[in-house]
Amino acid sequence: MTNSYKVYNTAVEATLEVIGGKWKPVILFHLTFGRKRNSELKSLIPAITQKMLTQHLRELEEEGIILRISYNQVPPKVEYELTDYGWSLKEILHVMCRWGDMHIERKYEGRATVLSNAQLEDVDNI
């Protein structure tokens, strides 16, 4: 197997390669509020399919961004949390959240809302 040299036009590409897409930043944002089970993430992100949630969780785990904690019990219990490396994304995710809130207000002038407003208020206190 040959090691190839990776070239990026900008470091933003490297970031998006790991956390890019529609759902990964949302999953990571929710994990900044603490450890979550698969079913909790699915409830917090109702539009995501179980297949996509599982795929993204696996990819984030492979990148070392999240940790999968499996408990040896019946019924099986699995939780996900950010690794120390994953926590380094906290500021990026919360800034994206604040920018999105500002964008929604600017674009829709009160004709749109964010369902997780309680968590958005928590962002300002962190």
C-alpha atoms as a PDB file:
ATOM      1  CA  MET A   1       0.000   0.000   0.000  1.00  0.00           C
ATOM      2  CA  THR A   2       1.410   3.371  -1.017  1.00  0.00           C
ATOM      3  CA  ASN A   3       1.180   6.401   1.233  1.00  0.00           C
ATOM      4  CA  SER A   4       0.064   9.329  -0.882  1.00  0.00           C
ATOM      5  CA  TYR A   5       0.692  12.924   0.027  1.00  0.00           C
ATOM      6  CA  LYS A   6      -2.553  14.820   0.671  1.00  0.00           C
ATOM      7  CA  VAL A   7      -2.849  18.377  -0.621  1.00  0.00           C
ATOM      8  CA  TYR A   8      -5.556  20.804   0.492  1.00  0.00           C
ATOM      9  CA  ASN A   9      -6.250  24.184  -1.074  1.00  0.00           C
ATOM     10  CA  THR A  10      -7.134  25.504   2.372  1.00  0.00           C
ATOM     11  CA  ALA A  11      -7.309  24.095   5.902  1.00  0.00           C
ATOM     12  CA  VAL A  12     -11.089  24.622   5.793  1.00  0.00           C
ATOM     13  CA  GLU A  13     -11.206  21.627   3.418  1.00  0.00           C
ATOM     14  CA  ALA A  14      -9.502  19.457   6.037  1.00  0.00           C
ATOM     15  CA  THR A  15     -12.044  20.552   8.653  1.00  0.00           C
ATOM     16  CA  LEU A  16     -14.990  19.907   6.355  1.00  0.00           C
ATOM     17  CA  GLU A  17     -13.563  16.520   5.423  1.00  0.00           C
ATOM     18  CA  VAL A  18     -14.054  15.506   9.067  1.00  0.00           C
ATOM     19  CA  ILE A  19     -17.172  17.425  10.176  1.00  0.00           C
ATOM     20  CA  GLY A  20     -18.750  18.463   6.885  1.00  0.00           C
ATOM     21  CA  GLY A  21     -22.197  17.579   5.687  1.00  0.00           C
ATOM     22  CA  LYS A  22     -25.722  18.170   6.814  1.00  0.00           C
ATOM     23  CA  TRP A  23     -25.741  16.113  10.017  1.00  0.00           C
ATOM     24  CA  LYS A  24     -22.250  15.790  11.511  1.00  0.00           C
ATOM     25  CA  PRO A  25     -22.099  19.341  12.893  1.00  0.00           C
ATOM     26  CA  VAL A  26     -25.600  18.899  14.346  1.00  0.00           C
ATOM     27  CA  ILE A  27     -24.628  15.615  16.024  1.00  0.00           C
ATOM     28  CA  LEU A  28     -21.466  17.188  17.415  1.00  0.00           C
ATOM     29  CA  PHE A  29     -23.351  20.278  18.605  1.00  0.00           C
ATOM     30  CA  HIS A  30     -25.735  18.117  20.626  1.00  0.00           C
ATOM     31  CA  LEU A  31     -22.804  16.186  22.109  1.00  0.00           C
ATOM     32  CA  THR A  32     -21.325  19.453  23.428  1.00  0.00           C
ATOM     33  CA  PHE A  33     -24.167  19.325  25.962  1.00  0.00           C
ATOM     34  CA  GLY A  34     -23.082  15.909  27.218  1.00  0.00           C
ATOM     35  CA  ARG A  35     -23.113  12.196  26.594  1.00  0.00           C
ATOM     36  CA  LYS A  36     -26.048  10.938  24.494  1.00  0.00           C
ATOM     37  CA  ARG A  37     -27.550   7.595  23.576  1.00  0.00           C
ATOM     38  CA  ASN A  38     -28.410   6.811  19.971  1.00  0.00           C
ATOM     39  CA  SER A  39     -32.131   7.208  20.706  1.00  0.00           C
ATOM     40  CA  GLU A  40     -31.541  10.625  22.301  1.00  0.00           C
ATOM     41  CA  LEU A  41     -29.670  11.846  19.236  1.00  0.00           C
ATOM     42  CA  LYS A  42     -32.444  10.506  17.006  1.00  0.00           C
ATOM     43  CA  SER A  43     -35.016  12.432  19.096  1.00  0.00           C
ATOM     44  CA  LEU A  44     -32.949  15.617  18.931  1.00  0.00           C
ATOM     45  CA  ILE A  45     -32.514  15.252  15.145  1.00  0.00           C
ATOM     46  CA  PRO A  46     -35.833  13.785  13.961  1.00  0.00           C
ATOM     47  CA  ALA A  47     -35.142  14.377  10.247  1.00  0.00           C
ATOM     48  CA  ILE A  48     -32.037  12.158  10.205  1.00  0.00           C
ATOM     49  CA  THR A  49     -32.507   8.524   9.231  1.00  0.00           C
ATOM     50  CA  GLN A  50     -31.190   5.821  11.527  1.00  0.00           C
ATOM     51  CA  LYS A  51     -28.849   4.689   8.739  1.00  0.00           C
ATOM     52  CA  MET A  52     -27.307   8.158   8.376  1.00  0.00           C
ATOM     53  CA  LEU A  53     -27.022   8.627  12.142  1.00  0.00           C
ATOM     54  CA  THR A  54     -25.211   5.296  12.502  1.00  0.00           C
ATOM     55  CA  GLN A  55     -22.933   6.048   9.539  1.00  0.00           C
ATOM     56  CA  HIS A  56     -21.984   9.498  10.824  1.00  0.00           C
ATOM     57  CA  LEU A  57     -21.388   8.242  14.359  1.00  0.00           C
ATOM     58  CA  ARG A  58     -19.044   5.563  12.985  1.00  0.00           C
ATOM     59  CA  GLU A  59     -17.156   8.083  10.832  1.00  0.00           C
ATOM     60  CA  LEU A  60     -16.778  10.522  13.729  1.00  0.00           C
ATOM     61  CA  GLU A  61     -15.551   7.682  15.929  1.00  0.00           C
ATOM     62  CA  GLU A  62     -12.994   6.633  13.279  1.00  0.00           C
ATOM     63  CA  GLU A  63     -11.688  10.224  13.176  1.00  0.00           C
ATOM     64  CA  GLY A  64     -11.259  10.228  16.957  1.00  0.00           C
ATOM     65  CA  ILE A  65     -13.861  12.986  17.418  1.00  0.00           C
ATOM     66  CA  ILE A  66     -16.336  10.947  19.477  1.00  0.00           C
ATOM     67  CA  LEU A  67     -16.069   7.982  21.775  1.00  0.00           C
ATOM     68  CA  ARG A  68     -18.525   5.080  21.683  1.00  0.00           C
ATOM     69  CA  ILE A  69     -19.127   3.710  25.167  1.00  0.00           C
ATOM     70  CA  SER A  70     -20.664   0.247  25.220  1.00  0.00           C
ATOM     71  CA  TYR A  71     -22.039  -1.138  28.483  1.00  0.00           C
ATOM     72  CA  ASN A  72     -22.061  -4.894  28.999  1.00  0.00           C
ATOM     73  CA  GLN A  73     -25.671  -5.293  30.103  1.00  0.00           C
ATOM     74  CA  VAL A  74     -29.051  -6.551  28.947  1.00  0.00           C
ATOM     75  CA  PRO A  75     -30.568  -4.794  27.122  1.00  0.00           C
ATOM     76  CA  PRO A  76     -27.398  -3.402  25.504  1.00  0.00           C
ATOM     77  CA  LYS A  77     -26.609   0.230  26.216  1.00  0.00           C
ATOM     78  CA  VAL A  78     -24.378   2.439  24.056  1.00  0.00           C
ATOM     79  CA  GLU A  79     -23.584   6.106  24.604  1.00  0.00           C
ATOM     80  CA  TYR A  80     -21.565   8.633  22.635  1.00  0.00           C
ATOM     81  CA  GLU A  81     -19.485  11.513  23.918  1.00  0.00           C
ATOM     82  CA  LEU A  82     -16.876  13.887  22.587  1.00  0.00           C
ATOM     83  CA  THR A  83     -13.232  12.952  23.002  1.00  0.00           C
ATOM     84  CA  ASP A  84     -10.740  15.578  24.132  1.00  0.00           C
ATOM     85  CA  TYR A  85      -9.965  16.064  20.448  1.00  0.00           C
ATOM     86  CA  GLY A  86     -13.692  16.424  19.717  1.00  0.00           C
ATOM     87  CA  TRP A  87     -14.047  19.062  22.435  1.00  0.00           C
ATOM     88  CA  SER A  88     -11.623  21.212  20.432  1.00  0.00           C
ATOM     89  CA  LEU A  89     -14.537  21.743  17.994  1.00  0.00           C
ATOM     90  CA  LYS A  90     -16.840  23.217  20.668  1.00  0.00           C
ATOM     91  CA  GLU A  91     -16.133  26.863  19.877  1.00  0.00           C
ATOM     92  CA  ILE A  92     -16.521  26.333  16.131  1.00  0.00           C
ATOM     93  CA  LEU A  93     -19.872  24.600  16.628  1.00  0.00           C
ATOM     94  CA  HIS A  94     -21.226  27.209  19.029  1.00  0.00           C
ATOM     95  CA  VAL A  95     -20.108  30.084  16.795  1.00  0.00           C
ATOM     96  CA  MET A  96     -21.861  28.351  13.878  1.00  0.00           C
ATOM     97  CA  CYS A  97     -24.975  28.134  16.039  1.00  0.00           C
ATOM     98  CA  ARG A  98     -24.901  31.822  16.958  1.00  0.00           C
ATOM     99  CA  TRP A  99     -24.259  32.802  13.324  1.00  0.00           C
ATOM    100  CA  GLY A 100     -27.149  30.605  12.187  1.00  0.00           C
ATOM    101  CA  ASP A 101     -29.452  32.250  14.729  1.00  0.00           C
ATOM    102  CA  MET A 102     -28.431  35.691  13.444  1.00  0.00           C
ATOM    103  CA  HIS A 103     -28.875  34.558   9.832  1.00  0.00           C
ATOM    104  CA  ILE A 104     -32.364  33.188  10.507  1.00  0.00           C
ATOM    105  CA  GLU A 105     -33.413  36.491  12.073  1.00  0.00           C
ATOM    106  CA  ARG A 106     -31.873  38.538   9.229  1.00  0.00           C
ATOM    107  CA  LYS A 107     -33.337  36.416   6.449  1.00  0.00           C
ATOM    108  CA  TYR A 108     -36.755  35.544   7.871  1.00  0.00           C
ATOM    109  CA  GLU A 109     -37.373  38.549  10.172  1.00  0.00           C
ATOM    110  CA  GLY A 110     -39.243  36.578  12.811  1.00  0.00           C
ATOM    111  CA  ARG A 111     -40.969  34.183  10.383  1.00  0.00           C
ATOM    112  CA  ALA A 112     -38.759  31.232  11.362  1.00  0.00           C
ATOM    113  CA  THR A 113     -37.744  29.610  14.600  1.00  0.00           C
ATOM    114  CA  VAL A 114     -35.181  27.207  16.000  1.00  0.00           C
ATOM    115  CA  LEU A 115     -36.690  24.280  17.885  1.00  0.00           C
ATOM    116  CA  SER A 116     -33.818  23.929  20.337  1.00  0.00           C
ATOM    117  CA  ASN A 117     -33.969  27.483  21.716  1.00  0.00           C
ATOM    118  CA  ALA A 118     -33.264  26.229  25.247  1.00  0.00           C
ATOM    119  CA  GLN A 119     -29.920  24.875  24.080  1.00  0.00           C
ATOM    120  CA  LEU A 120     -29.213  28.057  22.144  1.00  0.00           C
ATOM    121  CA  GLU A 121     -29.604  30.072  25.329  1.00  0.00           C
ATOM    122  CA  ASP A 122     -27.166  27.673  27.012  1.00  0.00           C
ATOM    123  CA  VAL A 123     -24.590  28.411  24.278  1.00  0.00           C
ATOM    124  CA  ASP A 124     -24.325  32.016  25.404  1.00  0.00           C
ATOM    125  CA  ASN A 125     -23.681  30.889  28.977  1.00  0.00           C
ATOM    126  CA  ILE A 126     -20.851  28.510  28.080  1.00  0.00           C
END
